[in-house]
Amino acid sequence: MERWPPVYDASDLAATIREISDRGQLNQQFFSGEPAGRLCQGDVIRLPSSIPLIHEDGQPAISDEFTYWMVIGNTCDIDRELADVTWSQIVPLTEFEAGELEDEELASLRRYRYSRRFYVPAWSPHISGRHYVADFLRPVTIHKNALHRVAEVETKLSYIAWILLHSCLVRFLARDDGRFDVHA
C-alpha cells in the first residue's frame, strides 16, 4: 500500500514557508509591537507552569516547567462565550541560550524546515541572545479563564508571522501519514 499523502498541496505550502522565512528582515518583522488588545492565536504568553501528561505507565504526571508558551487555539474560540467554548490550546516554548544550538541546527530552525517545531525569535531586549522553539508535539489544553486572568501576554505576532505559524501548523497536522512505511 502507498503512503497516504498530505491533504494540502505540499509544494505550495513549502514554497510559502520558504518565501516567508527567506525574508531578509523576518526577525525584525515577526512581532506586531506592544502586547495590547485581545488575546489571539500566536500570542506569546508568560505562564510559569509544567506540562500535564500521561506517562509511559499510563498514569497522570507533569513534566518540565516552562515560562513562555504560544497560544495555538483559534482566536474566534478564545473570543466566544465561556459557556460555548471553555478551553483553548497552548504549546510550550523551549528556550535555548546563545551558543547552545549548533549553527546548522539554528539555520534549519530559522528556515522552518522542521514540521514539529516552530522557531520564535527573541521578542524583547531582556531575552536577547536566546532562541525559542514552539513544540507542536506538546500541546496543552488550558481553561480560558487562566488565559485571561493568569497568563500575561508578552508579545503578538505580526500578520506575516501569523501566516507562517498557520502554514507550519497545517504542515504539522496534515502531513503525509506514513502508516504503511516499513520500519527497520
Protein backbone atom coordinates (compact mmCIF):
# COMPACT_ATOMS: atom_id res chain seq x y z
CA MET A 1 0.00 0.00 0.00
CA GLU A 2 1.09 3.56 -0.65
CA ARG A 3 1.73 6.26 1.91
CA TRP A 4 -1.34 8.45 2.45
CA PRO A 5 -0.50 11.89 1.04
CA PRO A 6 -0.91 15.23 2.83
CA VAL A 7 -4.31 16.85 2.50
CA TYR A 8 -2.83 20.09 1.20
CA ASP A 9 -0.58 20.91 -1.71
CA ALA A 10 2.78 20.19 -0.07
CA SER A 11 4.84 22.05 -2.66
CA ASP A 12 2.69 25.21 -2.41
CA LEU A 13 2.88 25.16 1.38
CA ALA A 14 6.66 24.55 1.32
CA ALA A 15 7.01 27.46 -1.11
CA THR A 16 5.00 29.74 1.21
CA ILE A 17 7.13 28.78 4.23
CA ARG A 18 10.34 29.23 2.23
CA GLU A 19 9.21 32.61 0.83
CA ILE A 20 8.38 33.95 4.28
CA SER A 21 11.44 32.52 6.03
CA ASP A 22 13.73 33.90 3.30
CA ARG A 23 12.62 37.47 4.04
CA GLY A 24 15.68 39.43 4.99
CA GLN A 25 14.11 41.13 7.98
CA LEU A 26 11.72 38.42 9.22
CA ASN A 27 13.05 38.50 12.80
CA GLN A 28 12.51 42.28 12.92
CA GLN A 29 9.02 41.88 11.37
CA PHE A 30 7.98 38.87 13.46
CA PHE A 31 6.08 40.72 16.18
CA SER A 32 3.46 43.46 15.95
CA GLY A 33 4.66 45.57 18.85
CA GLU A 34 3.07 46.08 22.23
CA PRO A 35 1.13 43.19 23.78
CA ALA A 36 -2.11 45.15 23.99
CA GLY A 37 -5.61 44.18 22.94
CA ARG A 38 -7.47 40.93 22.96
CA LEU A 39 -5.76 37.55 23.26
CA CYS A 40 -5.11 35.98 19.86
CA GLN A 41 -3.74 32.86 18.24
CA GLY A 42 0.04 33.11 18.03
CA ASP A 43 0.42 35.30 21.11
CA VAL A 44 3.41 34.51 23.30
CA ILE A 45 2.29 34.36 26.92
CA ARG A 46 4.13 34.19 30.23
CA LEU A 47 2.71 31.42 32.38
CA PRO A 48 5.23 29.54 34.53
CA SER A 49 3.76 26.04 34.54
CA SER A 50 4.53 22.41 33.88
CA ILE A 51 3.15 20.20 31.13
CA PRO A 52 0.45 17.73 32.23
CA LEU A 53 0.78 14.38 30.51
CA ILE A 54 0.04 10.69 30.70
CA HIS A 55 3.30 8.95 31.50
CA GLU A 56 4.57 5.71 29.93
CA ASP A 57 2.89 3.72 32.71
CA GLY A 58 -0.49 5.27 31.81
CA GLN A 59 -0.61 7.45 34.92
CA PRO A 60 -1.02 11.23 35.02
CA ALA A 61 2.19 13.17 35.56
CA ILE A 62 3.77 16.53 34.99
CA SER A 63 6.96 17.22 33.10
CA ASP A 64 9.27 20.16 32.56
CA GLU A 65 8.33 23.65 33.68
CA PHE A 66 8.15 26.37 31.06
CA THR A 67 7.88 30.12 31.45
CA TYR A 68 6.70 31.01 27.95
CA TRP A 69 4.02 29.45 25.77
CA MET A 70 2.44 30.14 22.40
CA VAL A 71 -1.33 30.20 22.01
CA ILE A 72 -2.33 27.89 19.15
CA GLY A 73 -6.07 27.84 19.86
CA ASN A 74 -8.14 29.75 17.34
CA THR A 75 -8.81 33.41 18.14
CA CYS A 76 -12.55 33.10 17.46
CA ASP A 77 -12.78 30.27 20.03
CA ILE A 78 -10.90 32.39 22.57
CA ASP A 79 -13.43 35.21 21.96
CA ARG A 80 -16.53 33.01 22.28
CA GLU A 81 -18.56 32.92 25.46
CA LEU A 82 -17.07 30.65 28.12
CA ALA A 83 -20.24 28.56 28.16
CA ASP A 84 -19.78 27.83 24.43
CA VAL A 85 -16.01 27.23 24.38
CA THR A 86 -14.30 26.66 27.73
CA TRP A 87 -10.87 25.51 26.60
CA SER A 88 -8.07 26.55 24.29
CA GLN A 89 -4.63 25.18 23.44
CA ILE A 90 -1.09 26.34 24.06
CA VAL A 91 2.32 24.84 23.33
CA PRO A 92 5.49 25.38 25.37
CA LEU A 93 8.38 27.46 24.13
CA THR A 94 11.66 25.65 24.73
CA GLU A 95 14.45 28.12 25.45
CA PHE A 96 17.96 27.87 24.04
CA GLU A 97 20.78 30.17 25.14
CA ALA A 98 23.08 31.73 22.55
CA GLY A 99 25.67 29.13 21.51
CA GLU A 100 23.60 26.22 22.79
CA LEU A 101 22.49 25.29 19.27
CA GLU A 102 24.87 24.33 16.50
CA ASP A 103 24.92 26.84 13.62
CA GLU A 104 23.39 24.29 11.23
CA GLU A 105 20.57 23.45 13.67
CA LEU A 106 19.79 27.13 14.25
CA ALA A 107 19.79 27.80 10.50
CA SER A 108 17.31 24.91 9.97
CA LEU A 109 15.06 26.25 12.72
CA ARG A 110 15.14 29.77 11.25
CA ARG A 111 14.23 28.37 7.83
CA TYR A 112 11.27 26.45 9.39
CA ARG A 113 12.45 23.15 7.94
CA TYR A 114 11.07 21.06 10.82
CA SER A 115 7.43 20.07 10.85
CA ARG A 116 7.18 19.58 14.62
CA ARG A 117 8.94 22.73 15.81
CA PHE A 118 8.33 26.43 15.16
CA TYR A 119 11.18 28.91 15.68
CA VAL A 120 10.30 32.05 17.68
CA PRO A 121 12.95 34.79 17.77
CA ALA A 122 13.59 36.86 20.90
CA TRP A 123 10.84 39.47 21.31
CA SER A 124 12.38 41.86 23.84
CA PRO A 125 15.79 43.09 24.97
CA HIS A 126 15.53 41.24 28.31
CA ILE A 127 15.69 37.90 26.46
CA SER A 128 18.03 38.88 23.62
CA GLY A 129 20.59 36.25 22.78
CA ARG A 130 18.07 33.48 23.41
CA HIS A 131 16.15 31.39 20.92
CA TYR A 132 12.73 29.79 21.45
CA VAL A 133 11.05 26.88 19.75
CA ALA A 134 7.31 26.12 19.98
CA ASP A 135 6.94 22.36 20.32
CA PHE A 136 3.85 21.24 18.39
CA LEU A 137 4.17 17.72 19.89
CA ARG A 138 3.39 19.04 23.39
CA PRO A 139 0.01 20.80 23.21
CA VAL A 140 -1.67 21.63 26.49
CA THR A 141 -5.37 22.29 27.00
CA ILE A 142 -5.91 25.41 29.08
CA HIS A 143 -9.04 26.87 30.62
CA LYS A 144 -9.80 30.22 29.02
CA ASN A 145 -10.07 31.87 32.44
CA ALA A 146 -6.40 31.01 33.00
CA LEU A 147 -5.55 32.62 29.67
CA HIS A 148 -7.41 35.81 30.58
CA ARG A 149 -6.73 36.04 34.31
CA VAL A 150 -3.36 34.39 34.95
CA ALA A 151 -1.33 34.41 31.74
CA GLU A 152 0.43 37.62 30.74
CA VAL A 153 0.73 38.44 27.05
CA GLU A 154 4.39 39.04 26.24
CA THR A 155 4.03 39.80 22.54
CA LYS A 156 1.81 39.38 19.50
CA LEU A 157 2.70 38.02 16.09
CA SER A 158 2.70 40.25 13.05
CA TYR A 159 0.44 39.29 10.17
CA ILE A 160 3.29 37.70 8.19
CA ALA A 161 4.44 35.67 11.23
CA TRP A 162 0.83 34.55 11.79
CA ILE A 163 0.69 33.29 8.17
CA LEU A 164 3.97 31.46 8.79
CA LEU A 165 2.58 29.92 12.01
CA HIS A 166 -0.55 28.76 10.17
CA SER A 167 1.49 27.30 7.35
CA CYS A 168 3.65 25.40 9.82
CA LEU A 169 0.64 24.18 11.82
CA VAL A 170 -1.05 22.91 8.65
CA ARG A 171 2.16 21.18 7.59
CA PHE A 172 2.40 19.57 11.05
CA LEU A 173 -1.23 18.47 11.35
CA ALA A 174 -1.89 17.41 7.76
CA ARG A 175 1.48 15.99 6.65
CA ASP A 176 1.73 12.68 4.88
CA ASP A 177 0.73 9.82 7.11
CA GLY A 178 3.41 7.16 6.78
CA ARG A 179 1.25 4.39 8.21
CA PHE A 180 2.39 1.95 5.54
CA ASP A 181 6.10 2.76 5.77
CA VAL A 182 8.32 -0.20 6.52
CA HIS A 183 10.27 0.33 9.73
CA ALA A 184 13.56 -1.45 10.30
